[in-house]
Amino acid sequence: MPMADAPASQTLSRGIRILEILADAREPLMIDEVARRLDVHRSVAYRLLRTLEDHGLVARDGSGRVELGSRLAALAAGVAHDLQAEALPELTAAANDLAMTCFLTVLDRDESVTLMSVEPRHAVASVAQRPGSRHPVAVGAPGRAILAQLPPGQWPEGADAAQIADAAACGYAQSHDEVIPSLRSVAVPLALRGRPPVALAVVYLASAHAPEELAERLTQAANGIREALGS
């Protein structure tokens, strides 16, 4: 039987949804709050959380609040392992050169997802970009840098064709106040042979560097990653 025709597992779906809820919460949650957000009875949420806890995917603190477990970090490290390994030194160097957070985003259906992020070592203040953060791919510079690598027929509804075309023409995209109020971002495409489109980006409040300068440094990093991966 084709996988597309197989019935979905409600229990598995709820367990995955719990992980998403905890990731979005940015703080530990009580079981009652998890149950409310999942829209199930507390006993159902408790059984699901116990199973996830047994596998190290969630953990409970002394007050009984639940948060993501350390086992998730090991699982995340296995996602595009070679890409992450080669991207890390390039992202680190770019972040320190520019004194701003540098991150790598990938396409997940109609969303842009942060796969990894590096904050600058000696910056007085920098904007954090949490791995796993996601938002619609049609919004923000990283998403447009990704869409610029795809034909229009694969763009999601709401994509701004003019902005994507501009990103493709000049080699980078920029945004301001789109994903998070007051934050700016510049992103460049990273096309890798045999892989879905990727983007490298920085996020910041203000900078003495013009967007073109930020894009130039990101392009250097992208070229370094591409060369290391033989793409």
Protein backbone atom coordinates (compact mmCIF):
# COMPACT_ATOMS: atom_id res chain seq x y z
CA MET A 1 0.00 0.00 0.00
CA PRO A 2 1.44 3.45 -0.87
CA MET A 3 2.49 5.49 2.14
CA ALA A 4 0.21 8.35 1.08
CA ASP A 5 -2.80 6.03 1.49
CA ALA A 6 -1.82 4.76 4.95
CA PRO A 7 -3.84 6.11 7.89
CA ALA A 8 -2.03 8.65 10.06
CA SER A 9 -1.25 7.84 13.69
CA GLN A 10 -3.11 10.23 15.99
CA THR A 11 -0.89 9.31 18.94
CA LEU A 12 2.31 9.97 17.01
CA SER A 13 0.88 13.20 15.62
CA ARG A 14 0.02 14.40 19.13
CA GLY A 15 3.48 13.52 20.39
CA ILE A 16 5.11 15.52 17.62
CA ARG A 17 2.72 18.39 18.28
CA ILE A 18 3.82 18.42 21.94
CA LEU A 19 7.43 18.88 20.84
CA GLU A 20 6.35 21.78 18.63
CA ILE A 21 4.37 23.34 21.49
CA LEU A 22 7.35 23.14 23.84
CA ALA A 23 9.68 24.55 21.18
CA ASP A 24 7.39 27.51 20.56
CA ALA A 25 6.78 28.18 24.27
CA ARG A 26 10.37 29.36 24.96
CA GLU A 27 9.88 28.32 28.62
CA PRO A 28 8.93 25.15 30.52
CA LEU A 29 5.18 24.45 30.70
CA MET A 30 3.00 22.71 33.27
CA ILE A 31 1.26 19.55 32.06
CA ASP A 32 -2.14 21.28 32.30
CA GLU A 33 -0.93 23.98 29.90
CA VAL A 34 0.43 21.41 27.47
CA ALA A 35 -2.95 19.62 27.56
CA ARG A 36 -4.79 22.90 26.95
CA ARG A 37 -2.66 23.82 23.95
CA LEU A 38 -2.92 20.29 22.59
CA ASP A 39 -6.69 20.33 23.24
CA VAL A 40 -6.73 16.96 25.04
CA HIS A 41 -7.52 15.75 28.56
CA ARG A 42 -4.70 16.07 31.09
CA SER A 43 -4.40 12.29 31.40
CA VAL A 44 -3.80 11.98 27.64
CA ALA A 45 -1.13 14.67 27.71
CA TYR A 46 0.50 13.02 30.73
CA ARG A 47 0.78 9.62 28.99
CA LEU A 48 2.27 11.22 25.89
CA LEU A 49 4.75 13.23 27.94
CA ARG A 50 5.83 10.17 29.92
CA THR A 51 6.62 8.34 26.67
CA LEU A 52 8.58 11.31 25.31
CA GLU A 53 10.39 11.60 28.64
CA ASP A 54 11.37 7.91 28.53
CA HIS A 55 13.08 8.63 25.20
CA GLY A 56 14.83 11.77 26.47
CA LEU A 57 12.85 14.04 24.16
CA VAL A 58 11.32 16.01 27.03
CA ALA A 59 12.39 16.58 30.63
CA ARG A 60 10.68 17.79 33.81
CA ASP A 61 12.19 20.17 36.33
CA GLY A 62 11.75 20.12 40.10
CA SER A 63 8.40 21.90 39.91
CA GLY A 64 7.01 19.47 37.34
CA ARG A 65 7.28 21.83 34.40
CA VAL A 66 8.09 20.23 31.08
CA GLU A 67 10.71 21.34 28.54
CA LEU A 68 12.48 19.85 25.55
CA GLY A 69 15.03 17.17 26.41
CA SER A 70 18.69 16.97 25.51
CA ARG A 71 18.13 13.95 23.25
CA LEU A 72 16.61 16.31 20.70
CA ALA A 73 19.97 18.02 20.26
CA ALA A 74 21.53 14.72 19.21
CA LEU A 75 18.72 14.08 16.74
CA ALA A 76 18.99 17.60 15.32
CA ALA A 77 22.73 17.20 14.81
CA GLY A 78 22.00 14.33 12.45
CA VAL A 79 19.91 16.49 10.12
CA ALA A 80 22.03 17.32 7.05
CA HIS A 81 25.05 16.43 9.15
CA ASP A 82 27.63 17.15 6.45
CA LEU A 83 26.04 20.50 5.66
CA GLN A 84 26.05 21.54 9.31
CA ALA A 85 29.65 20.39 9.77
CA GLU A 86 30.91 22.41 6.81
CA ALA A 87 28.69 25.41 7.55
CA LEU A 88 29.74 25.82 11.18
CA PRO A 89 33.22 27.32 10.61
CA GLU A 90 31.93 29.59 7.85
CA LEU A 91 29.01 30.82 9.96
CA THR A 92 31.30 31.36 12.94
CA ALA A 93 33.78 33.41 10.94
CA ALA A 94 31.04 35.52 9.33
CA ALA A 95 29.29 36.11 12.66
CA ASN A 96 32.50 37.32 14.27
CA ASP A 97 33.48 39.46 11.28
CA LEU A 98 30.11 41.19 11.18
CA ALA A 99 29.41 41.15 14.95
CA MET A 100 25.92 39.79 14.36
CA THR A 101 24.15 36.46 14.47
CA CYS A 102 24.60 34.39 11.33
CA PHE A 103 22.34 31.44 10.55
CA LEU A 104 21.44 28.84 7.97
CA THR A 105 17.86 28.21 6.87
CA VAL A 106 16.30 25.37 4.90
CA LEU A 107 12.97 24.89 3.15
CA ASP A 108 10.36 22.75 4.91
CA ARG A 109 7.23 22.61 2.74
CA ASP A 110 5.97 26.22 2.86
CA GLU A 111 8.15 27.36 5.76
CA SER A 112 11.68 28.60 6.26
CA VAL A 113 13.34 26.75 9.17
CA THR A 114 16.55 27.75 10.97
CA LEU A 115 18.80 24.69 10.90
CA MET A 116 21.73 26.20 12.79
CA SER A 117 22.78 29.56 14.19
CA VAL A 118 25.99 31.16 15.47
CA GLU A 119 26.18 34.28 17.62
CA PRO A 120 29.27 36.54 17.50
CA ARG A 121 31.89 35.95 20.16
CA HIS A 122 32.66 39.50 21.28
CA ALA A 123 29.63 41.55 20.25
CA VAL A 124 28.24 43.91 22.88
CA ALA A 125 24.71 42.88 21.94
CA SER A 126 23.39 40.51 19.31
CA VAL A 127 20.03 39.11 18.31
CA ALA A 128 19.51 35.42 19.04
CA GLN A 129 18.13 33.16 16.33
CA ARG A 130 17.05 29.85 17.80
CA PRO A 131 17.58 26.69 15.72
CA GLY A 132 14.19 25.24 14.87
CA SER A 133 12.61 28.68 14.48
CA ARG A 134 10.22 28.70 11.54
CA HIS A 135 8.00 31.11 9.68
CA PRO A 136 6.27 31.22 6.28
CA VAL A 137 8.87 31.07 3.52
CA ALA A 138 7.19 33.94 1.67
CA VAL A 139 8.04 36.28 4.58
CA GLY A 140 11.49 37.68 5.33
CA ALA A 141 14.87 37.76 3.62
CA PRO A 142 15.90 34.10 4.21
CA GLY A 143 12.67 32.84 2.68
CA ARG A 144 13.03 35.04 -0.39
CA ALA A 145 16.64 33.91 -0.83
CA ILE A 146 15.33 30.34 -0.82
CA LEU A 147 12.45 31.02 -3.22
CA ALA A 148 14.81 32.81 -5.62
CA GLN A 149 16.29 29.36 -6.29
CA LEU A 150 12.93 27.84 -7.27
CA PRO A 151 10.70 28.27 -10.34
CA PRO A 152 7.57 30.42 -9.80
CA GLY A 153 5.38 27.34 -9.99
CA GLN A 154 6.86 26.15 -6.68
CA TRP A 155 6.32 29.42 -4.83
CA PRO A 156 3.64 29.38 -2.11
CA GLU A 157 0.55 31.54 -2.20
CA GLY A 158 1.33 35.08 -1.08
CA ALA A 159 4.90 35.13 -2.37
CA ASP A 160 5.93 38.55 -3.68
CA ALA A 161 7.15 37.88 -7.23
CA ALA A 162 8.83 41.29 -7.58
CA GLN A 163 10.84 40.92 -4.37
CA ILE A 164 11.89 37.38 -5.23
CA ALA A 165 12.93 38.44 -8.73
CA ASP A 166 14.93 41.29 -7.23
CA ALA A 167 16.67 38.88 -4.84
CA ALA A 168 17.53 36.58 -7.75
CA ALA A 169 18.86 39.47 -9.82
CA CYS A 170 21.10 41.10 -7.18
CA GLY A 171 22.09 37.91 -5.37
CA TYR A 172 20.63 38.72 -1.96
CA ALA A 173 17.40 39.58 -0.16
CA GLN A 174 16.76 41.98 2.70
CA SER A 175 13.87 42.55 5.07
CA HIS A 176 12.87 44.85 7.91
CA ASP A 177 10.03 44.45 10.42
CA GLU A 178 8.66 41.39 8.62
CA VAL A 179 9.22 38.38 10.88
CA ILE A 180 9.93 40.18 14.17
CA PRO A 181 9.23 43.90 14.66
CA SER A 182 12.33 46.16 14.53
CA LEU A 183 14.66 43.42 13.29
CA ARG A 184 16.46 43.47 9.97
CA SER A 185 17.84 40.59 7.96
CA VAL A 186 19.99 40.06 4.89
CA ALA A 187 20.19 36.64 3.23
CA VAL A 188 21.94 35.06 0.27
CA PRO A 189 21.02 31.86 -1.57
CA LEU A 190 23.10 28.72 -1.18
CA ALA A 191 22.44 26.33 -4.05
CA LEU A 192 23.88 22.86 -3.44
CA ARG A 193 23.80 20.08 -5.99
CA GLY A 194 21.21 17.43 -5.19
CA ARG A 195 19.77 19.29 -2.17
CA PRO A 196 16.77 21.50 -1.48
CA PRO A 197 17.53 25.25 -1.55
CA VAL A 198 19.32 26.75 1.45
CA ALA A 199 19.99 30.34 2.54
CA LEU A 200 22.59 32.01 4.73
CA ALA A 201 21.44 35.06 6.66
CA VAL A 202 22.20 37.57 9.38
CA VAL A 203 19.72 39.17 11.76
CA TYR A 204 20.34 42.48 13.53
CA LEU A 205 18.83 45.68 14.91
CA ALA A 206 21.26 48.12 13.29
CA SER A 207 24.63 47.98 11.58
CA ALA A 208 27.31 50.27 10.19
CA HIS A 209 27.52 47.88 7.22
CA ALA A 210 25.34 48.46 4.18
CA PRO A 211 23.15 45.51 3.12
CA GLU A 212 25.41 45.02 0.10
CA GLU A 213 28.43 44.58 2.37
CA LEU A 214 26.60 42.07 4.54
CA ALA A 215 25.54 40.16 1.44
CA GLU A 216 29.10 40.13 0.13
CA ARG A 217 30.39 38.56 3.37
CA LEU A 218 27.58 36.01 3.40
CA THR A 219 28.31 35.14 -0.22
CA GLN A 220 31.92 34.44 0.73
CA ALA A 221 30.67 32.07 3.43
CA ALA A 222 28.25 30.41 1.01
CA ASN A 223 31.04 29.88 -1.51
CA GLY A 224 33.20 28.32 1.20
CA ILE A 225 30.44 25.88 2.14
CA ARG A 226 29.75 25.03 -1.48
CA GLU A 227 33.42 24.35 -2.15
CA ALA A 228 33.78 22.19 0.97
CA LEU A 229 30.79 20.08 -0.08
CA GLY A 230 32.01 19.77 -3.64
CA SER A 231 28.97 21.53 -5.05
